[in-house]
């Protein structure tokens, strides 16, 4: 291990909950390796999952919805929060079915951090052989509809940064060996 890079020591933490309760911001005071102290604002969250859903014909099932951060309607991979004691694959299947009405063979293939200033772990699953088995049943504040695109169109969306989960899309395609045509 490189001795010049060591974990920082947490000295104190203050938590701020947004009025909606959806997001939490934590300010942590750290002691740095050189002895100085520094405050860092962190977005605190649990686990999430996004699903690359492929039909038997090789098309990609996405969800089209308005996203408040970018202020635009975007296509995204279906997904959402993983409950505290929920298996990630179970959450992936649940989210896929709720948001699209599709179901398939689900396998969790990778995970990553939301950012260097967040505690959220983001998982990506691949669902193959997806078929429509019912109508979407979005919950809460979800106003979305399924949108099926050709694999090449999905790749183009990734290349242009037109999704909020671009990194997860690339990870899933890589695991499937589908990054290139």
N, C-alpha and C. Protein backbone atom coordinates (compact mmCIF):
# COMPACT_ATOMS: atom_id res chain seq x y z
N UNK A 1 0.84 -1.20 0.00
CA UNK A 1 0.00 0.00 0.00
C UNK A 1 0.88 1.25 0.00
N UNK A 2 0.49 2.24 -0.78
CA UNK A 2 1.20 3.51 -0.84
C UNK A 2 0.94 4.26 0.46
N UNK A 3 1.99 4.44 1.26
CA UNK A 3 1.84 5.05 2.58
C UNK A 3 1.51 6.53 2.53
N UNK A 4 1.66 7.17 1.35
CA UNK A 4 1.33 8.59 1.25
C UNK A 4 -0.16 8.81 1.04
N UNK A 5 -0.90 7.74 0.73
CA UNK A 5 -2.35 7.85 0.55
C UNK A 5 -3.00 6.98 1.62
N UNK A 6 -3.58 7.64 2.60
CA UNK A 6 -4.20 6.93 3.73
C UNK A 6 -5.60 7.48 3.95
N UNK A 7 -6.48 6.69 4.57
CA UNK A 7 -7.82 7.19 4.87
C UNK A 7 -7.75 8.39 5.81
N UNK A 8 -8.68 9.31 5.61
CA UNK A 8 -8.78 10.46 6.50
C UNK A 8 -9.60 10.06 7.72
N UNK A 9 -9.39 10.76 8.82
CA UNK A 9 -10.11 10.49 10.06
C UNK A 9 -11.33 11.40 10.15
N UNK A 10 -12.51 10.80 10.36
CA UNK A 10 -13.73 11.61 10.54
C UNK A 10 -13.74 12.14 11.97
N UNK A 11 -13.84 13.46 12.09
CA UNK A 11 -13.88 14.10 13.40
C UNK A 11 -15.29 14.42 13.85
N UNK A 12 -16.15 14.79 12.89
CA UNK A 12 -17.50 15.23 13.23
C UNK A 12 -18.37 15.11 11.98
N UNK A 13 -19.68 15.05 12.20
CA UNK A 13 -20.60 14.96 11.07
C UNK A 13 -21.90 15.65 11.42
N UNK A 14 -22.43 16.44 10.50
CA UNK A 14 -23.74 17.07 10.66
C UNK A 14 -24.58 16.67 9.45
N UNK A 15 -25.84 16.29 9.70
CA UNK A 15 -26.72 15.82 8.64
C UNK A 15 -27.83 16.83 8.39
N UNK A 16 -28.11 17.09 7.11
CA UNK A 16 -29.18 18.00 6.72
C UNK A 16 -30.11 17.23 5.79
N UNK A 17 -31.37 17.15 6.16
CA UNK A 17 -32.35 16.43 5.35
C UNK A 17 -33.15 17.44 4.56
N UNK A 18 -33.28 17.22 3.25
CA UNK A 18 -34.08 18.09 2.41
C UNK A 18 -35.54 18.00 2.87
N UNK A 19 -36.30 19.06 2.67
CA UNK A 19 -37.71 19.06 3.12
C UNK A 19 -38.51 17.86 2.61
N UNK A 20 -38.21 17.37 1.42
CA UNK A 20 -38.96 16.23 0.88
C UNK A 20 -38.49 14.91 1.49
N UNK A 21 -37.32 14.92 2.12
CA UNK A 21 -36.77 13.70 2.69
C UNK A 21 -36.10 12.80 1.68
N UNK A 22 -36.09 13.23 0.42
CA UNK A 22 -35.55 12.41 -0.66
C UNK A 22 -34.02 12.39 -0.65
N UNK A 23 -33.41 13.50 -0.32
CA UNK A 23 -31.94 13.58 -0.34
C UNK A 23 -31.44 14.06 1.02
N UNK A 24 -30.27 13.55 1.36
CA UNK A 24 -29.62 13.98 2.59
C UNK A 24 -28.24 14.50 2.25
N UNK A 25 -27.90 15.59 2.85
CA UNK A 25 -26.57 16.15 2.70
C UNK A 25 -25.88 16.04 4.05
N UNK A 26 -24.66 15.54 4.04
CA UNK A 26 -23.87 15.38 5.26
C UNK A 26 -22.63 16.24 5.11
N UNK A 27 -22.32 17.00 6.14
CA UNK A 27 -21.05 17.72 6.18
C UNK A 27 -20.16 16.99 7.17
N UNK A 28 -19.04 16.51 6.68
CA UNK A 28 -18.09 15.80 7.54
C UNK A 28 -16.82 16.64 7.69
N UNK A 29 -16.35 16.68 8.92
CA UNK A 29 -15.06 17.32 9.20
C UNK A 29 -14.04 16.19 9.34
N UNK A 30 -12.97 16.32 8.54
CA UNK A 30 -11.92 15.29 8.52
C UNK A 30 -10.61 15.85 9.04
N UNK A 31 -9.80 14.98 9.63
CA UNK A 31 -8.40 15.28 9.89
C UNK A 31 -7.64 14.68 8.72
N UNK A 32 -6.90 15.52 8.00
CA UNK A 32 -6.15 15.09 6.84
C UNK A 32 -4.81 14.48 7.28
N UNK A 33 -4.16 13.75 6.40
CA UNK A 33 -2.89 13.10 6.75
C UNK A 33 -1.81 14.05 7.27
N UNK A 34 -1.87 15.34 6.84
CA UNK A 34 -0.86 16.29 7.31
C UNK A 34 -1.26 17.00 8.60
N UNK A 35 -2.42 16.57 9.21
CA UNK A 35 -2.86 17.14 10.47
C UNK A 35 -3.89 18.25 10.35
N UNK A 36 -4.01 18.86 9.18
CA UNK A 36 -5.02 19.91 9.00
C UNK A 36 -6.42 19.31 9.06
N UNK A 37 -7.44 20.17 9.28
CA UNK A 37 -8.84 19.76 9.27
C UNK A 37 -9.54 20.36 8.06
N UNK A 38 -10.51 19.62 7.51
CA UNK A 38 -11.20 20.07 6.31
C UNK A 38 -12.64 19.57 6.32
N UNK A 39 -13.60 20.45 5.92
CA UNK A 39 -15.01 20.07 5.83
C UNK A 39 -15.35 19.66 4.41
N UNK A 40 -16.15 18.61 4.30
CA UNK A 40 -16.59 18.11 2.99
C UNK A 40 -18.10 17.87 3.03
N UNK A 41 -18.79 18.36 2.00
CA UNK A 41 -20.22 18.10 1.84
C UNK A 41 -20.39 16.85 1.01
N UNK A 42 -21.17 15.89 1.52
CA UNK A 42 -21.39 14.63 0.83
C UNK A 42 -22.88 14.40 0.64
N UNK A 43 -23.25 13.92 -0.53
CA UNK A 43 -24.62 13.49 -0.79
C UNK A 43 -24.73 12.08 -0.24
N UNK A 44 -25.64 11.89 0.72
CA UNK A 44 -25.75 10.58 1.37
C UNK A 44 -26.93 9.81 0.79
N UNK A 45 -26.65 8.59 0.41
CA UNK A 45 -27.71 7.75 -0.14
C UNK A 45 -27.34 6.29 -0.03
N UNK A 46 -28.31 5.45 -0.31
CA UNK A 46 -28.11 4.02 -0.23
C UNK A 46 -27.68 3.43 -1.56
N UNK A 47 -28.34 2.34 -1.93
CA UNK A 47 -27.99 1.64 -3.16
C UNK A 47 -29.07 1.89 -4.22
N UNK A 48 -28.63 1.92 -5.47
CA UNK A 48 -29.56 2.02 -6.60
C UNK A 48 -29.19 0.95 -7.61
N UNK A 49 -30.11 0.72 -8.55
CA UNK A 49 -29.84 -0.23 -9.63
C UNK A 49 -30.47 0.30 -10.90
N UNK A 50 -29.77 0.11 -12.00
CA UNK A 50 -30.29 0.40 -13.35
C UNK A 50 -30.19 -0.89 -14.14
N UNK A 51 -31.13 -1.07 -15.08
CA UNK A 51 -31.22 -2.33 -15.81
C UNK A 51 -31.09 -2.10 -17.30
N UNK A 52 -30.11 -2.76 -17.91
CA UNK A 52 -30.03 -2.81 -19.37
C UNK A 52 -30.92 -3.98 -19.79
N UNK A 53 -32.09 -3.67 -20.32
CA UNK A 53 -33.09 -4.68 -20.66
C UNK A 53 -33.08 -4.91 -22.17
N UNK A 54 -32.78 -6.14 -22.57
CA UNK A 54 -32.70 -6.50 -23.98
C UNK A 54 -33.81 -7.46 -24.36
N UNK A 55 -34.49 -7.16 -25.46
CA UNK A 55 -35.53 -8.05 -25.97
C UNK A 55 -34.87 -9.19 -26.72
N UNK A 56 -35.61 -10.26 -27.02
CA UNK A 56 -35.04 -11.36 -27.81
C UNK A 56 -34.52 -10.90 -29.18
N UNK A 57 -35.09 -9.81 -29.71
CA UNK A 57 -34.65 -9.28 -31.00
C UNK A 57 -33.41 -8.39 -30.89
N UNK A 58 -32.97 -8.13 -29.65
CA UNK A 58 -31.77 -7.32 -29.44
C UNK A 58 -32.04 -5.84 -29.27
N UNK A 59 -33.30 -5.44 -29.11
CA UNK A 59 -33.62 -4.04 -28.83
C UNK A 59 -33.47 -3.77 -27.35
N UNK A 60 -33.40 -2.49 -26.99
CA UNK A 60 -33.20 -2.07 -25.61
C UNK A 60 -34.48 -1.40 -25.10
N UNK A 61 -34.95 -1.85 -23.94
CA UNK A 61 -36.14 -1.27 -23.31
C UNK A 61 -35.69 -0.17 -22.36
N UNK A 62 -36.08 1.05 -22.67
CA UNK A 62 -35.74 2.21 -21.85
C UNK A 62 -37.01 2.79 -21.24
N UNK A 63 -36.82 3.79 -20.40
CA UNK A 63 -37.93 4.52 -19.80
C UNK A 63 -37.75 5.99 -20.17
N UNK A 64 -38.79 6.60 -20.71
CA UNK A 64 -38.76 8.02 -21.06
C UNK A 64 -39.47 8.79 -19.95
N UNK A 65 -38.75 9.78 -19.37
CA UNK A 65 -39.35 10.56 -18.29
C UNK A 65 -38.65 11.91 -18.12
N UNK A 66 -39.34 12.82 -17.47
CA UNK A 66 -38.76 14.13 -17.16
C UNK A 66 -37.82 13.95 -15.98
N UNK A 67 -36.62 14.55 -16.09
CA UNK A 67 -35.64 14.49 -15.01
C UNK A 67 -35.39 15.91 -14.52
N UNK A 68 -35.68 16.19 -13.23
CA UNK A 68 -35.58 17.55 -12.70
C UNK A 68 -34.18 18.14 -12.74
N UNK A 69 -33.14 17.34 -12.51
CA UNK A 69 -31.77 17.88 -12.53
C UNK A 69 -31.42 18.50 -13.86
N UNK A 70 -31.45 17.71 -14.94
CA UNK A 70 -31.17 18.28 -16.27
C UNK A 70 -32.29 19.18 -16.78
N UNK A 71 -33.50 19.06 -16.21
CA UNK A 71 -34.63 19.87 -16.66
C UNK A 71 -35.11 19.45 -18.04
N UNK A 72 -35.03 18.14 -18.36
CA UNK A 72 -35.38 17.65 -19.69
C UNK A 72 -36.06 16.29 -19.59
N UNK A 73 -36.78 15.95 -20.64
CA UNK A 73 -37.27 14.60 -20.79
C UNK A 73 -36.13 13.78 -21.39
N UNK A 74 -35.80 12.65 -20.74
CA UNK A 74 -34.70 11.81 -21.17
C UNK A 74 -35.12 10.35 -21.23
N UNK A 75 -34.44 9.59 -22.04
CA UNK A 75 -34.54 8.14 -21.98
C UNK A 75 -33.51 7.67 -20.97
N UNK A 76 -33.89 6.68 -20.17
CA UNK A 76 -32.98 6.12 -19.17
C UNK A 76 -33.20 4.62 -19.11
N UNK A 77 -32.24 3.94 -18.56
CA UNK A 77 -32.44 2.54 -18.25
C UNK A 77 -33.39 2.47 -17.06
N UNK A 78 -34.33 1.51 -17.05
CA UNK A 78 -35.22 1.39 -15.89
C UNK A 78 -34.40 1.15 -14.63
N UNK A 79 -34.89 1.63 -13.51
CA UNK A 79 -34.17 1.40 -12.27
C UNK A 79 -34.67 2.27 -11.16
N UNK A 80 -34.01 2.16 -10.02
CA UNK A 80 -34.39 2.95 -8.86
C UNK A 80 -33.65 2.49 -7.62
N UNK A 81 -34.23 2.79 -6.48
CA UNK A 81 -33.60 2.48 -5.20
C UNK A 81 -33.74 1.00 -4.86
N UNK A 82 -32.71 0.49 -4.22
CA UNK A 82 -32.71 -0.85 -3.67
C UNK A 82 -33.05 -0.70 -2.19
N UNK A 83 -34.09 -1.37 -1.74
CA UNK A 83 -34.48 -1.28 -0.32
C UNK A 83 -33.35 -1.82 0.56
N UNK A 84 -33.37 -1.45 1.83
CA UNK A 84 -32.26 -1.75 2.76
C UNK A 84 -31.84 -3.22 2.77
N UNK A 85 -32.75 -4.13 2.90
CA UNK A 85 -32.40 -5.55 2.96
C UNK A 85 -32.76 -6.31 1.69
N UNK A 86 -32.98 -5.59 0.61
CA UNK A 86 -33.41 -6.20 -0.64
C UNK A 86 -32.21 -6.66 -1.47
N UNK A 87 -32.32 -7.82 -2.08
CA UNK A 87 -31.31 -8.30 -3.01
C UNK A 87 -31.32 -7.41 -4.25
N UNK A 88 -30.16 -7.05 -4.76
CA UNK A 88 -30.07 -6.13 -5.90
C UNK A 88 -30.77 -6.70 -7.13
N UNK A 89 -30.61 -7.99 -7.40
CA UNK A 89 -31.27 -8.60 -8.56
C UNK A 89 -32.79 -8.56 -8.42
N UNK A 90 -33.29 -8.75 -7.22
CA UNK A 90 -34.74 -8.67 -6.97
C UNK A 90 -35.22 -7.24 -7.22
N UNK A 91 -34.45 -6.26 -6.74
CA UNK A 91 -34.81 -4.86 -6.96
C UNK A 91 -34.79 -4.52 -8.45
N UNK A 92 -33.80 -5.05 -9.18
CA UNK A 92 -33.71 -4.79 -10.62
C UNK A 92 -34.95 -5.32 -11.34
N UNK A 93 -35.34 -6.54 -11.03
CA UNK A 93 -36.53 -7.14 -11.66
C UNK A 93 -37.79 -6.34 -11.30
N UNK A 94 -37.90 -5.94 -10.04
CA UNK A 94 -39.05 -5.15 -9.57
C UNK A 94 -39.14 -3.84 -10.32
N UNK A 95 -38.02 -3.13 -10.41
CA UNK A 95 -38.01 -1.83 -11.09
C UNK A 95 -38.32 -1.97 -12.58
N UNK A 96 -37.75 -2.99 -13.22
CA UNK A 96 -38.00 -3.23 -14.64
C UNK A 96 -39.49 -3.46 -14.87
N UNK A 97 -40.10 -4.29 -14.08
CA UNK A 97 -41.52 -4.61 -14.23
C UNK A 97 -42.39 -3.39 -13.93
N UNK A 98 -42.10 -2.68 -12.83
CA UNK A 98 -42.91 -1.51 -12.46
C UNK A 98 -42.87 -0.43 -13.53
N UNK A 99 -41.68 -0.14 -14.04
CA UNK A 99 -41.52 0.99 -14.95
C UNK A 99 -41.83 0.68 -16.41
N UNK A 100 -41.73 -0.61 -16.79
CA UNK A 100 -41.89 -0.93 -18.22
C UNK A 100 -42.95 -1.99 -18.51
N UNK A 101 -43.27 -2.84 -17.54
CA UNK A 101 -44.15 -3.97 -17.81
C UNK A 101 -43.42 -5.14 -18.44
N UNK A 102 -42.08 -5.04 -18.57
CA UNK A 102 -41.26 -6.11 -19.15
C UNK A 102 -40.62 -6.93 -18.04
N UNK A 103 -40.32 -8.19 -18.37
CA UNK A 103 -39.59 -9.06 -17.46
C UNK A 103 -38.61 -9.89 -18.28
N UNK A 104 -37.54 -10.35 -17.65
CA UNK A 104 -36.53 -11.15 -18.34
C UNK A 104 -35.62 -11.81 -17.33
N UNK A 105 -34.57 -12.42 -17.84
CA UNK A 105 -33.57 -13.08 -17.00
C UNK A 105 -32.59 -12.03 -16.51
N UNK A 106 -32.60 -11.75 -15.21
CA UNK A 106 -31.83 -10.64 -14.63
C UNK A 106 -30.56 -11.14 -13.96
N UNK A 107 -29.46 -10.43 -14.25
CA UNK A 107 -28.18 -10.72 -13.62
C UNK A 107 -27.48 -9.40 -13.31
N UNK A 108 -27.04 -9.22 -12.07
CA UNK A 108 -26.29 -8.02 -11.68
C UNK A 108 -24.87 -8.20 -12.18
N UNK A 109 -24.34 -7.19 -12.91
CA UNK A 109 -23.04 -7.35 -13.56
C UNK A 109 -21.95 -6.42 -13.06
N UNK A 110 -22.30 -5.32 -12.40
CA UNK A 110 -21.26 -4.38 -11.96
C UNK A 110 -21.84 -3.39 -10.95
N UNK A 111 -20.94 -2.63 -10.35
CA UNK A 111 -21.35 -1.55 -9.46
C UNK A 111 -20.32 -0.44 -9.53
N UNK A 112 -20.73 0.75 -9.14
CA UNK A 112 -19.85 1.91 -9.14
C UNK A 112 -20.38 2.92 -8.12
N UNK A 113 -19.59 3.92 -7.83
CA UNK A 113 -20.02 5.02 -6.95
C UNK A 113 -20.71 6.09 -7.76
N UNK A 114 -21.67 6.79 -7.17
CA UNK A 114 -22.34 7.90 -7.83
C UNK A 114 -21.33 9.00 -8.16
N UNK A 115 -20.50 9.35 -7.20
CA UNK A 115 -19.43 10.34 -7.41
C UNK A 115 -18.49 10.28 -6.22
N UNK A 116 -17.42 11.04 -6.30
CA UNK A 116 -16.44 11.07 -5.21
C UNK A 116 -17.00 11.77 -3.97
N UNK A 117 -18.10 12.50 -4.13
CA UNK A 117 -18.70 13.23 -3.01
C UNK A 117 -20.07 12.66 -2.66
N UNK A 118 -20.26 11.36 -2.86
CA UNK A 118 -21.53 10.71 -2.55
C UNK A 118 -21.27 9.33 -1.95
N UNK A 119 -22.20 8.90 -1.11
CA UNK A 119 -22.08 7.57 -0.52
C UNK A 119 -22.92 6.54 -1.26
N UNK A 120 -23.62 6.93 -2.30
CA UNK A 120 -24.49 6.04 -3.05
C UNK A 120 -23.69 5.06 -3.90
N UNK A 121 -24.04 3.78 -3.77
CA UNK A 121 -23.47 2.73 -4.61
C UNK A 121 -24.51 2.41 -5.68
N UNK A 122 -24.09 2.50 -6.94
CA UNK A 122 -24.98 2.25 -8.07
C UNK A 122 -24.63 0.90 -8.69
N UNK A 123 -25.63 0.05 -8.82
CA UNK A 123 -25.46 -1.27 -9.43
C UNK A 123 -26.06 -1.23 -10.83
N UNK A 124 -25.56 -2.09 -11.70
CA UNK A 124 -26.17 -2.25 -13.01
C UNK A 124 -26.43 -3.73 -13.22
N UNK A 125 -27.62 -4.00 -13.75
CA UNK A 125 -28.02 -5.37 -14.05
C UNK A 125 -28.32 -5.46 -15.54
N UNK A 126 -28.22 -6.67 -16.05
CA UNK A 126 -28.60 -6.96 -17.43
C UNK A 126 -29.80 -7.90 -17.36
N UNK A 127 -30.83 -7.57 -18.13
CA UNK A 127 -32.00 -8.45 -18.24
C UNK A 127 -32.09 -8.86 -19.71
N UNK A 128 -31.98 -10.14 -19.97
CA UNK A 128 -32.03 -10.65 -21.34
C UNK A 128 -33.35 -11.39 -21.57
N UNK A 129 -33.71 -11.49 -22.84
CA UNK A 129 -34.96 -12.17 -23.20
C UNK A 129 -36.19 -11.44 -22.70
N UNK A 130 -36.11 -10.12 -22.59
CA UNK A 130 -37.21 -9.34 -22.02
C UNK A 130 -38.44 -9.34 -22.93
N UNK A 131 -39.56 -9.61 -22.32
CA UNK A 131 -40.85 -9.59 -23.01
C UNK A 131 -41.84 -8.80 -22.16
N UNK A 132 -42.77 -8.16 -22.85
CA UNK A 132 -43.82 -7.43 -22.14
C UNK A 132 -44.77 -8.45 -21.51
N UNK A 133 -44.92 -8.38 -20.18
CA UNK A 133 -45.77 -9.33 -19.47
C UNK A 133 -46.94 -8.63 -18.78
N UNK A 134 -46.98 -7.31 -18.86
CA UNK A 134 -48.05 -6.56 -18.22
C UNK A 134 -47.89 -5.08 -18.51
N UNK A 135 -48.72 -4.30 -17.87
CA UNK A 135 -48.64 -2.86 -18.02
C UNK A 135 -47.73 -2.27 -16.94
N UNK A 136 -47.02 -1.19 -17.27
CA UNK A 136 -46.19 -0.54 -16.25
C UNK A 136 -47.07 -0.09 -15.07
N UNK A 137 -46.49 -0.06 -13.90
CA UNK A 137 -47.20 0.42 -12.71
C UNK A 137 -46.25 1.29 -11.89
N UNK A 138 -45.87 2.45 -12.46
CA UNK A 138 -44.93 3.33 -11.74
C UNK A 138 -45.49 3.75 -10.38
N UNK A 139 -44.60 4.00 -9.45
CA UNK A 139 -45.01 4.35 -8.10
C UNK A 139 -44.59 5.79 -7.77
N UNK A 140 -45.24 6.34 -6.76
CA UNK A 140 -44.85 7.65 -6.23
C UNK A 140 -44.87 8.75 -7.27
N UNK A 141 -43.72 9.41 -7.42
CA UNK A 141 -43.59 10.54 -8.33
C UNK A 141 -43.09 10.15 -9.71
N UNK A 142 -43.23 8.87 -10.07
CA UNK A 142 -42.76 8.41 -11.38
C UNK A 142 -43.86 8.63 -12.43
N UNK A 143 -43.54 9.41 -13.43
CA UNK A 143 -44.42 9.62 -14.58
C UNK A 143 -43.57 9.30 -15.79
N UNK A 144 -43.63 8.05 -16.20
CA UNK A 144 -42.73 7.58 -17.24
C UNK A 144 -43.47 6.61 -18.15
N UNK A 145 -42.86 6.36 -19.30
CA UNK A 145 -43.41 5.35 -20.19
C UNK A 145 -42.27 4.58 -20.83
N UNK A 146 -42.50 3.29 -21.12
CA UNK A 146 -41.46 2.50 -21.78
C UNK A 146 -41.20 3.00 -23.18
N UNK A 147 -39.97 2.85 -23.62
CA UNK A 147 -39.56 3.29 -24.95
C UNK A 147 -38.52 2.29 -25.44
N UNK A 148 -38.83 1.56 -26.50
CA UNK A 148 -37.92 0.53 -27.02
C UNK A 148 -37.14 1.11 -28.19
N UNK A 149 -35.81 0.95 -28.14
CA UNK A 149 -34.93 1.47 -29.20
C UNK A 149 -34.01 0.36 -29.69
N UNK A 150 -33.51 0.54 -30.89
CA UNK A 150 -32.51 -0.39 -31.43
C UNK A 150 -31.22 -0.25 -30.62
N UNK A 151 -30.45 -1.31 -30.55
CA UNK A 151 -29.20 -1.29 -29.82
C UNK A 151 -28.28 -0.18 -30.30
N UNK A 152 -28.21 0.04 -31.60
CA UNK A 152 -27.35 1.10 -32.14
C UNK A 152 -27.81 2.48 -31.68
N UNK A 153 -29.12 2.70 -31.60
CA UNK A 153 -29.62 3.98 -31.09
C UNK A 153 -29.23 4.17 -29.63
N UNK A 154 -29.30 3.10 -28.86
CA UNK A 154 -28.88 3.17 -27.45
C UNK A 154 -27.40 3.52 -27.35
N UNK A 155 -26.58 2.89 -28.18
CA UNK A 155 -25.15 3.23 -28.20
C UNK A 155 -24.94 4.71 -28.53
N UNK A 156 -25.70 5.22 -29.50
CA UNK A 156 -25.60 6.64 -29.86
C UNK A 156 -25.99 7.53 -28.67
N UNK A 157 -27.03 7.15 -27.94
CA UNK A 157 -27.44 7.93 -26.77
C UNK A 157 -26.31 7.95 -25.73
N UNK A 158 -25.66 6.82 -25.55
CA UNK A 158 -24.53 6.77 -24.62
C UNK A 158 -23.40 7.67 -25.08
N UNK A 159 -23.06 7.57 -26.36
CA UNK A 159 -21.94 8.36 -26.90
C UNK A 159 -22.17 9.86 -26.77
N UNK A 160 -23.43 10.28 -26.84
CA UNK A 160 -23.75 11.71 -26.78
C UNK A 160 -24.09 12.18 -25.37
N UNK A 161 -24.03 11.29 -24.39
CA UNK A 161 -24.33 11.69 -23.01
C UNK A 161 -25.78 12.06 -22.80
N UNK A 162 -26.68 11.42 -23.54
CA UNK A 162 -28.09 11.75 -23.46
C UNK A 162 -28.86 10.97 -22.40
N UNK A 163 -28.15 10.30 -21.51
CA UNK A 163 -28.78 9.55 -20.42
C UNK A 163 -28.14 9.99 -19.10
N UNK A 164 -28.85 9.80 -18.00
CA UNK A 164 -28.24 10.12 -16.71
C UNK A 164 -27.43 8.95 -16.17
N UNK A 165 -27.54 7.78 -16.80
CA UNK A 165 -26.80 6.61 -16.34
C UNK A 165 -25.88 6.06 -17.43
N UNK A 166 -25.21 6.97 -18.12
CA UNK A 166 -24.33 6.60 -19.23
C UNK A 166 -23.26 5.61 -18.80
N UNK A 167 -22.62 5.87 -17.67
CA UNK A 167 -21.55 4.97 -17.22
C UNK A 167 -22.07 3.55 -16.98
N UNK A 168 -23.27 3.44 -16.44
CA UNK A 168 -23.84 2.12 -16.20
C UNK A 168 -24.19 1.41 -17.51
N UNK A 169 -24.64 2.18 -18.48
CA UNK A 169 -24.93 1.60 -19.80
C UNK A 169 -23.67 1.04 -20.43
N UNK A 170 -22.57 1.78 -20.35
CA UNK A 170 -21.30 1.29 -20.89
C UNK A 170 -20.83 0.03 -20.15
N UNK A 171 -20.95 0.02 -18.82
CA UNK A 171 -20.55 -1.16 -18.05
C UNK A 171 -21.34 -2.39 -18.48
N UNK A 172 -22.65 -2.22 -18.64
CA UNK A 172 -23.50 -3.36 -19.02
C UNK A 172 -23.16 -3.85 -20.42
N UNK A 173 -22.99 -2.93 -21.37
CA UNK A 173 -22.63 -3.34 -22.73
C UNK A 173 -21.28 -4.03 -22.76
N UNK A 174 -20.33 -3.54 -21.96
CA UNK A 174 -19.02 -4.16 -21.90
C UNK A 174 -19.12 -5.59 -21.39
N UNK A 175 -19.90 -5.80 -20.33
CA UNK A 175 -20.05 -7.15 -19.78
C UNK A 175 -20.68 -8.11 -20.77
N UNK A 176 -21.51 -7.58 -21.68
CA UNK A 176 -22.16 -8.40 -22.69
C UNK A 176 -21.34 -8.52 -23.98
N UNK A 177 -20.23 -7.77 -24.05
CA UNK A 177 -19.43 -7.78 -25.26
C UNK A 177 -20.11 -7.06 -26.42
N UNK A 178 -20.95 -6.05 -26.09
CA UNK A 178 -21.73 -5.34 -27.11
C UNK A 178 -21.34 -3.88 -27.30
N UNK A 179 -20.14 -3.51 -26.87
CA UNK A 179 -19.75 -2.10 -27.04
C UNK A 179 -19.59 -1.73 -28.51
N UNK A 180 -19.16 -2.65 -29.33
CA UNK A 180 -18.95 -2.38 -30.75
C UNK A 180 -19.87 -3.29 -31.56
N UNK A 181 -20.21 -2.80 -32.75
CA UNK A 181 -21.05 -3.62 -33.63
C UNK A 181 -20.22 -4.55 -34.45
